[in-house]
């Protein structure tokens, strides 16, 4: 049930990296707007907070894709070689 989801999320690591980097760039932009709003009008801070929410969404979506790609590689390498589940032999 969870393996197909992991494989689907991690199927395109370049796209996941692109999403993560977009989220990171939007995060930097949001911090700039929040800092500018501190020194000038408060509406810049509100705009920065909205951009921050979007940035966190994109960064999290990209990071989940990157993690799923790495985890799917681990799942592929750890196929059971024996039918005996006894770990103490």
PDB file of N, CA and C in Angstrom:
ATOM      1  N   UNK A   1       0.815  -1.190   0.000  1.00  0.00           N
ATOM      2  CA  UNK A   1       0.000   0.000   0.000  1.00  0.00           C
ATOM      3  C   UNK A   1       0.862   1.258   0.000  1.00  0.00           C
ATOM      4  N   UNK A   2       1.905   1.268   0.799  1.00  0.00           N
ATOM      5  CA  UNK A   2       2.716   2.468   0.875  1.00  0.00           C
ATOM      6  C   UNK A   2       3.843   2.468  -0.167  1.00  0.00           C
ATOM      7  N   UNK A   3       4.240   1.272  -0.617  1.00  0.00           N
ATOM      8  CA  UNK A   3       5.314   1.204  -1.617  1.00  0.00           C
ATOM      9  C   UNK A   3       4.952   1.912  -2.913  1.00  0.00           C
ATOM     10  N   UNK A   4       3.752   1.717  -3.468  1.00  0.00           N
ATOM     11  CA  UNK A   4       3.425   2.452  -4.705  1.00  0.00           C
ATOM     12  C   UNK A   4       3.422   3.961  -4.517  1.00  0.00           C
ATOM     13  N   UNK A   5       2.993   4.415  -3.337  1.00  0.00           N
ATOM     14  CA  UNK A   5       3.007   5.862  -3.067  1.00  0.00           C
ATOM     15  C   UNK A   5       4.437   6.385  -3.015  1.00  0.00           C
ATOM     16  N   UNK A   6       5.323   5.641  -2.380  1.00  0.00           N
ATOM     17  CA  UNK A   6       6.727   6.052  -2.297  1.00  0.00           C
ATOM     18  C   UNK A   6       7.360   6.063  -3.683  1.00  0.00           C
ATOM     19  N   UNK A   7       7.069   5.023  -4.467  1.00  0.00           N
ATOM     20  CA  UNK A   7       7.625   4.967  -5.817  1.00  0.00           C
ATOM     21  C   UNK A   7       7.080   6.089  -6.701  1.00  0.00           C
ATOM     22  N   UNK A   8       5.803   6.435  -6.518  1.00  0.00           N
ATOM     23  CA  UNK A   8       5.215   7.498  -7.334  1.00  0.00           C
ATOM     24  C   UNK A   8       5.777   8.868  -6.935  1.00  0.00           C
ATOM     25  N   UNK A   9       5.909   9.102  -5.630  1.00  0.00           N
ATOM     26  CA  UNK A   9       6.445  10.385  -5.173  1.00  0.00           C
ATOM     27  C   UNK A   9       7.909  10.558  -5.563  1.00  0.00           C
ATOM     28  N   UNK A  10       8.665   9.478  -5.558  1.00  0.00           N
ATOM     29  CA  UNK A  10      10.087   9.567  -5.850  1.00  0.00           C
ATOM     30  C   UNK A  10      10.444   9.239  -7.283  1.00  0.00           C
ATOM     31  N   UNK A  11       9.464   9.210  -8.158  1.00  0.00           N
ATOM     32  CA  UNK A  11       9.735   8.784  -9.535  1.00  0.00           C
ATOM     33  C   UNK A  11      10.492   9.827 -10.353  1.00  0.00           C
ATOM     34  N   UNK A  12      10.415  11.092  -9.970  1.00  0.00           N
ATOM     35  CA  UNK A  12      11.071  12.145 -10.742  1.00  0.00           C
ATOM     36  C   UNK A  12      11.893  13.030  -9.798  1.00  0.00           C
ATOM     37  N   UNK A  13      13.138  12.642  -9.494  1.00  0.00           N
ATOM     38  CA  UNK A  13      13.914  13.402  -8.512  1.00  0.00           C
ATOM     39  C   UNK A  13      14.321  14.790  -8.998  1.00  0.00           C
ATOM     40  N   UNK A  14      14.485  14.969 -10.311  1.00  0.00           N
ATOM     41  CA  UNK A  14      14.856  16.299 -10.803  1.00  0.00           C
ATOM     42  C   UNK A  14      13.722  17.297 -10.588  1.00  0.00           C
ATOM     43  N   UNK A  15      12.492  16.858 -10.801  1.00  0.00           N
ATOM     44  CA  UNK A  15      11.345  17.720 -10.560  1.00  0.00           C
ATOM     45  C   UNK A  15      11.211  18.030  -9.071  1.00  0.00           C
ATOM     46  N   UNK A  16      11.476  17.030  -8.227  1.00  0.00           N
ATOM     47  CA  UNK A  16      11.410  17.250  -6.784  1.00  0.00           C
ATOM     48  C   UNK A  16      12.467  18.250  -6.335  1.00  0.00           C
ATOM     49  N   UNK A  17      13.666  18.144  -6.886  1.00  0.00           N
ATOM     50  CA  UNK A  17      14.709  19.107  -6.546  1.00  0.00           C
ATOM     51  C   UNK A  17      14.335  20.506  -7.015  1.00  0.00           C
ATOM     52  N   UNK A  18      13.736  20.598  -8.191  1.00  0.00           N
ATOM     53  CA  UNK A  18      13.312  21.894  -8.705  1.00  0.00           C
ATOM     54  C   UNK A  18      12.240  22.515  -7.803  1.00  0.00           C
ATOM     55  N   UNK A  19      11.297  21.696  -7.336  1.00  0.00           N
ATOM     56  CA  UNK A  19      10.263  22.191  -6.425  1.00  0.00           C
ATOM     57  C   UNK A  19      10.877  22.657  -5.111  1.00  0.00           C
ATOM     58  N   UNK A  20      11.819  21.874  -4.592  1.00  0.00           N
ATOM     59  CA  UNK A  20      12.461  22.253  -3.334  1.00  0.00           C
ATOM     60  C   UNK A  20      13.223  23.567  -3.473  1.00  0.00           C
ATOM     61  N   UNK A  21      13.952  23.728  -4.572  1.00  0.00           N
ATOM     62  CA  UNK A  21      14.723  24.961  -4.760  1.00  0.00           C
ATOM     63  C   UNK A  21      13.809  26.162  -4.983  1.00  0.00           C
ATOM     64  N   UNK A  22      12.671  25.954  -5.645  1.00  0.00           N
ATOM     65  CA  UNK A  22      11.693  27.048  -5.784  1.00  0.00           C
ATOM     66  C   UNK A  22      11.160  27.459  -4.425  1.00  0.00           C
ATOM     67  N   UNK A  23      10.869  26.469  -3.594  1.00  0.00           N
ATOM     68  CA  UNK A  23      10.401  26.770  -2.250  1.00  0.00           C
ATOM     69  C   UNK A  23      11.450  27.498  -1.439  1.00  0.00           C
ATOM     70  N   UNK A  24      12.699  27.114  -1.609  1.00  0.00           N
ATOM     71  CA  UNK A  24      13.789  27.791  -0.905  1.00  0.00           C
ATOM     72  C   UNK A  24      13.934  29.237  -1.365  1.00  0.00           C
ATOM     73  N   UNK A  25      13.831  29.457  -2.679  1.00  0.00           N
ATOM     74  CA  UNK A  25      13.918  30.826  -3.203  1.00  0.00           C
ATOM     75  C   UNK A  25      12.737  31.666  -2.721  1.00  0.00           C
ATOM     76  N   UNK A  26      11.544  31.082  -2.706  1.00  0.00           N
ATOM     77  CA  UNK A  26      10.381  31.814  -2.193  1.00  0.00           C
ATOM     78  C   UNK A  26      10.527  32.106  -0.704  1.00  0.00           C
ATOM     79  N   UNK A  27      11.170  31.211   0.017  1.00  0.00           N
ATOM     80  CA  UNK A  27      11.417  31.448   1.437  1.00  0.00           C
ATOM     81  C   UNK A  27      12.319  32.665   1.638  1.00  0.00           C
ATOM     82  N   UNK A  28      13.367  32.754   0.842  1.00  0.00           N
ATOM     83  CA  UNK A  28      14.269  33.910   0.929  1.00  0.00           C
ATOM     84  C   UNK A  28      13.511  35.196   0.595  1.00  0.00           C
ATOM     85  N   UNK A  29      12.672  35.139  -0.448  1.00  0.00           N
ATOM     86  CA  UNK A  29      11.866  36.299  -0.816  1.00  0.00           C
ATOM     87  C   UNK A  29      10.913  36.692   0.316  1.00  0.00           C
ATOM     88  N   UNK A  30      10.324  35.700   0.970  1.00  0.00           N
ATOM     89  CA  UNK A  30       9.410  35.977   2.079  1.00  0.00           C
ATOM     90  C   UNK A  30      10.147  36.629   3.246  1.00  0.00           C
ATOM     91  N   UNK A  31      11.340  36.163   3.531  1.00  0.00           N
ATOM     92  CA  UNK A  31      12.122  36.769   4.618  1.00  0.00           C
ATOM     93  C   UNK A  31      12.460  38.221   4.292  1.00  0.00           C
ATOM     94  N   UNK A  32      12.770  38.488   3.036  1.00  0.00           N
ATOM     95  CA  UNK A  32      13.055  39.870   2.621  1.00  0.00           C
ATOM     96  C   UNK A  32      11.828  40.747   2.814  1.00  0.00           C
ATOM     97  N   UNK A  33      10.660  40.255   2.407  1.00  0.00           N
ATOM     98  CA  UNK A  33       9.431  41.031   2.582  1.00  0.00           C
ATOM     99  C   UNK A  33       9.115  41.250   4.055  1.00  0.00           C
ATOM    100  N   UNK A  34       9.322  40.241   4.875  1.00  0.00           N
ATOM    101  CA  UNK A  34       9.055  40.395   6.314  1.00  0.00           C
ATOM    102  C   UNK A  34      10.010  41.414   6.930  1.00  0.00           C
ATOM    103  N   UNK A  35      11.280  41.371   6.526  1.00  0.00           N
ATOM    104  CA  UNK A  35      12.248  42.349   7.047  1.00  0.00           C
ATOM    105  C   UNK A  35      11.924  43.761   6.567  1.00  0.00           C
ATOM    106  N   UNK A  36      11.523  43.904   5.307  1.00  0.00           N
ATOM    107  CA  UNK A  36      11.139  45.226   4.808  1.00  0.00           C
ATOM    108  C   UNK A  36       9.891  45.744   5.523  1.00  0.00           C
ATOM    109  N   UNK A  37       8.978  44.853   5.825  1.00  0.00           N
ATOM    110  CA  UNK A  37       7.778  45.256   6.557  1.00  0.00           C
ATOM    111  C   UNK A  37       8.077  45.679   7.975  1.00  0.00           C
ATOM    112  N   UNK A  38       9.136  45.160   8.538  1.00  0.00           N
ATOM    113  CA  UNK A  38       9.534  45.579   9.882  1.00  0.00           C
ATOM    114  C   UNK A  38       9.984  47.037   9.890  1.00  0.00           C
ATOM    115  N   UNK A  39      10.666  47.455   8.822  1.00  0.00           N
ATOM    116  CA  UNK A  39      11.189  48.812   8.772  1.00  0.00           C
ATOM    117  C   UNK A  39      10.244  49.793   8.088  1.00  0.00           C
ATOM    118  N   UNK A  40       9.269  49.308   7.353  1.00  0.00           N
ATOM    119  CA  UNK A  40       8.318  50.211   6.697  1.00  0.00           C
ATOM    120  C   UNK A  40       6.896  49.752   7.019  1.00  0.00           C
ATOM    121  N   UNK A  41       6.040  49.689   6.034  1.00  0.00           N
ATOM    122  CA  UNK A  41       4.627  49.405   6.271  1.00  0.00           C
ATOM    123  C   UNK A  41       4.388  47.924   6.574  1.00  0.00           C
ATOM    124  N   UNK A  42       3.434  47.660   7.460  1.00  0.00           N
ATOM    125  CA  UNK A  42       3.187  46.296   7.920  1.00  0.00           C
ATOM    126  C   UNK A  42       2.590  45.387   6.847  1.00  0.00           C
ATOM    127  N   UNK A  43       2.005  45.952   5.806  1.00  0.00           N
ATOM    128  CA  UNK A  43       1.409  45.098   4.770  1.00  0.00           C
ATOM    129  C   UNK A  43       2.470  44.273   4.043  1.00  0.00           C
ATOM    130  N   UNK A  44       3.698  44.767   4.027  1.00  0.00           N
ATOM    131  CA  UNK A  44       4.779  43.970   3.442  1.00  0.00           C
ATOM    132  C   UNK A  44       5.027  42.701   4.252  1.00  0.00           C
ATOM    133  N   UNK A  45       4.831  42.797   5.562  1.00  0.00           N
ATOM    134  CA  UNK A  45       4.975  41.604   6.391  1.00  0.00           C
ATOM    135  C   UNK A  45       3.870  40.591   6.099  1.00  0.00           C
ATOM    136  N   UNK A  46       2.670  41.087   5.873  1.00  0.00           N
ATOM    137  CA  UNK A  46       1.561  40.185   5.552  1.00  0.00           C
ATOM    138  C   UNK A  46       1.813  39.496   4.212  1.00  0.00           C
ATOM    139  N   UNK A  47       2.284  40.253   3.237  1.00  0.00           N
ATOM    140  CA  UNK A  47       2.639  39.670   1.932  1.00  0.00           C
ATOM    141  C   UNK A  47       3.743  38.632   2.122  1.00  0.00           C
ATOM    142  N   UNK A  48       4.722  38.939   2.973  1.00  0.00           N
ATOM    143  CA  UNK A  48       5.799  38.001   3.256  1.00  0.00           C
ATOM    144  C   UNK A  48       5.295  36.725   3.907  1.00  0.00           C
ATOM    145  N   UNK A  49       4.312  36.830   4.784  1.00  0.00           N
ATOM    146  CA  UNK A  49       3.757  35.646   5.425  1.00  0.00           C
ATOM    147  C   UNK A  49       2.995  34.770   4.438  1.00  0.00           C
ATOM    148  N   UNK A  50       2.283  35.400   3.511  1.00  0.00           N
ATOM    149  CA  UNK A  50       1.566  34.624   2.486  1.00  0.00           C
ATOM    150  C   UNK A  50       2.573  33.905   1.590  1.00  0.00           C
ATOM    151  N   UNK A  51       3.617  34.624   1.190  1.00  0.00           N
ATOM    152  CA  UNK A  51       4.663  33.991   0.367  1.00  0.00           C
ATOM    153  C   UNK A  51       5.344  32.868   1.158  1.00  0.00           C
ATOM    154  N   UNK A  52       5.506  33.071   2.460  1.00  0.00           N
ATOM    155  CA  UNK A  52       6.132  32.046   3.300  1.00  0.00           C
ATOM    156  C   UNK A  52       5.311  30.756   3.328  1.00  0.00           C
ATOM    157  N   UNK A  53       3.993  30.876   3.387  1.00  0.00           N
ATOM    158  CA  UNK A  53       3.151  29.681   3.367  1.00  0.00           C
ATOM    159  C   UNK A  53       3.302  28.922   2.053  1.00  0.00           C
ATOM    160  N   UNK A  54       3.319  29.654   0.955  1.00  0.00           N
ATOM    161  CA  UNK A  54       3.509  29.017  -0.351  1.00  0.00           C
ATOM    162  C   UNK A  54       4.896  28.377  -0.434  1.00  0.00           C
ATOM    163  N   UNK A  55       5.889  29.075   0.090  1.00  0.00           N
ATOM    164  CA  UNK A  55       7.260  28.562   0.060  1.00  0.00           C
ATOM    165  C   UNK A  55       7.391  27.272   0.870  1.00  0.00           C
ATOM    166  N   UNK A  56       6.770  27.241   2.030  1.00  0.00           N
ATOM    167  CA  UNK A  56       6.840  26.031   2.851  1.00  0.00           C
ATOM    168  C   UNK A  56       6.151  24.861   2.168  1.00  0.00           C
ATOM    169  N   UNK A  57       5.054  25.126   1.467  1.00  0.00           N
ATOM    170  CA  UNK A  57       4.368  24.067   0.736  1.00  0.00           C
ATOM    171  C   UNK A  57       5.261  23.491  -0.357  1.00  0.00           C
ATOM    172  N   UNK A  58       5.865  24.356  -1.175  1.00  0.00           N
ATOM    173  CA  UNK A  58       6.707  23.869  -2.263  1.00  0.00           C
ATOM    174  C   UNK A  58       7.957  23.164  -1.738  1.00  0.00           C
ATOM    175  N   UNK A  59       8.571  23.725  -0.708  1.00  0.00           N
ATOM    176  CA  UNK A  59       9.779  23.103  -0.171  1.00  0.00           C
ATOM    177  C   UNK A  59       9.463  21.740   0.442  1.00  0.00           C
ATOM    178  N   UNK A  60       8.350  21.637   1.149  1.00  0.00           N
ATOM    179  CA  UNK A  60       7.979  20.355   1.748  1.00  0.00           C
ATOM    180  C   UNK A  60       7.631  19.333   0.670  1.00  0.00           C
ATOM    181  N   UNK A  61       6.926  19.750  -0.363  1.00  0.00           N
ATOM    182  CA  UNK A  61       6.546  18.853  -1.450  1.00  0.00           C
ATOM    183  C   UNK A  61       7.795  18.326  -2.169  1.00  0.00           C
ATOM    184  N   UNK A  62       8.737  19.220  -2.417  1.00  0.00           N
ATOM    185  CA  UNK A  62       9.987  18.799  -3.047  1.00  0.00           C
ATOM    186  C   UNK A  62      10.811  17.898  -2.159  1.00  0.00           C
ATOM    187  N   UNK A  63      10.866  18.226  -0.861  1.00  0.00           N
ATOM    188  CA  UNK A  63      11.661  17.422   0.049  1.00  0.00           C
ATOM    189  C   UNK A  63      11.071  16.022   0.209  1.00  0.00           C
ATOM    190  N   UNK A  64       9.753  15.919   0.241  1.00  0.00           N
ATOM    191  CA  UNK A  64       9.111  14.604   0.327  1.00  0.00           C
ATOM    192  C   UNK A  64       9.447  13.786  -0.916  1.00  0.00           C
ATOM    193  N   UNK A  65       9.470  14.421  -2.080  1.00  0.00           N
ATOM    194  CA  UNK A  65       9.833  13.715  -3.306  1.00  0.00           C
ATOM    195  C   UNK A  65      11.274  13.248  -3.298  1.00  0.00           C
ATOM    196  N   UNK A  66      12.174  14.085  -2.803  1.00  0.00           N
ATOM    197  CA  UNK A  66      13.587  13.704  -2.716  1.00  0.00           C
ATOM    198  C   UNK A  66      13.757  12.547  -1.730  1.00  0.00           C
ATOM    199  N   UNK A  67      13.093  12.656  -0.580  1.00  0.00           N
ATOM    200  CA  UNK A  67      13.177  11.588   0.417  1.00  0.00           C
ATOM    201  C   UNK A  67      12.586  10.291  -0.119  1.00  0.00           C
ATOM    202  N   UNK A  68      11.460  10.385  -0.817  1.00  0.00           N
ATOM    203  CA  UNK A  68      10.826   9.179  -1.369  1.00  0.00           C
ATOM    204  C   UNK A  68      11.724   8.518  -2.403  1.00  0.00           C
ATOM    205  N   UNK A  69      12.450   9.306  -3.190  1.00  0.00           N
ATOM    206  CA  UNK A  69      13.373   8.735  -4.160  1.00  0.00           C
ATOM    207  C   UNK A  69      14.484   7.970  -3.457  1.00  0.00           C
ATOM    208  N   UNK A  70      15.056   8.567  -2.430  1.00  0.00           N
ATOM    209  CA  UNK A  70      16.129   7.882  -1.683  1.00  0.00           C
ATOM    210  C   UNK A  70      15.597   6.628  -0.991  1.00  0.00           C
ATOM    211  N   UNK A  71      14.405   6.741  -0.418  1.00  0.00           N
ATOM    212  CA  UNK A  71      13.839   5.614   0.304  1.00  0.00           C
ATOM    213  C   UNK A  71      13.450   4.487  -0.644  1.00  0.00           C
ATOM    214  N   UNK A  72      13.002   4.819  -1.841  1.00  0.00           N
ATOM    215  CA  UNK A  72      12.666   3.768  -2.810  1.00  0.00           C
ATOM    216  C   UNK A  72      13.926   3.027  -3.260  1.00  0.00           C
ATOM    217  N   UNK A  73      15.059   3.727  -3.314  1.00  0.00           N
ATOM    218  CA  UNK A  73      16.313   3.045  -3.635  1.00  0.00           C
ATOM    219  C   UNK A  73      16.699   2.073  -2.531  1.00  0.00           C
ATOM    220  N   UNK A  74      16.444   2.446  -1.286  1.00  0.00           N
ATOM    221  CA  UNK A  74      16.718   1.550  -0.162  1.00  0.00           C
ATOM    222  C   UNK A  74      15.786   0.349  -0.216  1.00  0.00           C
ATOM    223  N   UNK A  75      14.521   0.580  -0.547  1.00  0.00           N
ATOM    224  CA  UNK A  75      13.569  -0.530  -0.627  1.00  0.00           C
ATOM    225  C   UNK A  75      13.944  -1.508  -1.728  1.00  0.00           C
ATOM    226  N   UNK A  76      14.474  -1.006  -2.826  1.00  0.00           N
ATOM    227  CA  UNK A  76      14.877  -1.895  -3.914  1.00  0.00           C
ATOM    228  C   UNK A  76      16.061  -2.770  -3.521  1.00  0.00           C
ATOM    229  N   UNK A  77      16.954  -2.251  -2.701  1.00  0.00           N
ATOM    230  CA  UNK A  77      18.160  -3.002  -2.330  1.00  0.00           C
ATOM    231  C   UNK A  77      17.917  -3.992  -1.204  1.00  0.00           C
ATOM    232  N   UNK A  78      16.872  -3.812  -0.447  1.00  0.00           N
ATOM    233  CA  UNK A  78      16.620  -4.683   0.700  1.00  0.00           C
ATOM    234  C   UNK A  78      15.493  -5.665   0.400  1.00  0.00           C
ATOM    235  N   UNK A  79      15.642  -6.418  -0.649  1.00  0.00           N
ATOM    236  CA  UNK A  79      14.666  -7.466  -0.938  1.00  0.00           C
ATOM    237  C   UNK A  79      15.008  -8.695  -0.104  1.00  0.00           C
ATOM    238  N   UNK A  80      14.007  -9.380   0.402  1.00  0.00           N
ATOM    239  CA  UNK A  80      14.309 -10.560   1.233  1.00  0.00           C
ATOM    240  C   UNK A  80      14.916 -11.679   0.390  1.00  0.00           C
ATOM    241  N   UNK A  81      16.085 -12.151   0.817  1.00  0.00           N
ATOM    242  CA  UNK A  81      16.786 -13.208   0.091  1.00  0.00           C
ATOM    243  C   UNK A  81      16.395 -14.588   0.591  1.00  0.00           C
ATOM    244  N   UNK A  82      15.948 -14.654   1.822  1.00  0.00           N
ATOM    245  CA  UNK A  82      15.575 -15.932   2.402  1.00  0.00           C
ATOM    246  C   UNK A  82      14.134 -15.856   2.886  1.00  0.00           C
ATOM    247  N   UNK A  83      13.508 -17.017   2.947  1.00  0.00           N
ATOM    248  CA  UNK A  83      12.157 -17.061   3.476  1.00  0.00           C
ATOM    249  C   UNK A  83      12.150 -17.218   4.987  1.00  0.00           C
ATOM    250  N   UNK A  84      13.294 -17.541   5.568  1.00  0.00           N
ATOM    251  CA  UNK A  84      13.399 -17.762   7.000  1.00  0.00           C
ATOM    252  C   UNK A  84      13.564 -16.413   7.714  1.00  0.00           C
ATOM    253  N   UNK A  85      12.589 -16.014   8.534  1.00  0.00           N
ATOM    254  CA  UNK A  85      12.690 -14.709   9.216  1.00  0.00           C
ATOM    255  C   UNK A  85      13.548 -14.734  10.477  1.00  0.00           C
ATOM    256  N   UNK A  86      14.172 -15.869  10.793  1.00  0.00           N
ATOM    257  CA  UNK A  86      14.971 -15.969  12.007  1.00  0.00           C
ATOM    258  C   UNK A  86      16.248 -15.149  11.869  1.00  0.00           C
ATOM    259  N   UNK A  87      16.388 -14.109  12.661  1.00  0.00           N
ATOM    260  CA  UNK A  87      17.542 -13.217  12.585  1.00  0.00           C
ATOM    261  C   UNK A  87      18.736 -13.728  13.375  1.00  0.00           C
ATOM    262  N   UNK A  88      18.540 -14.727  14.235  1.00  0.00           N
ATOM    263  CA  UNK A  88      19.602 -15.160  15.131  1.00  0.00           C
ATOM    264  C   UNK A  88      20.374 -16.357  14.622  1.00  0.00           C
ATOM    265  N   UNK A  89      20.150 -16.778  13.410  1.00  0.00           N
ATOM    266  CA  UNK A  89      20.896 -17.923  12.866  1.00  0.00           C
ATOM    267  C   UNK A  89      22.273 -17.536  12.421  1.00  0.00           C
TER     268      UNK A  89
END
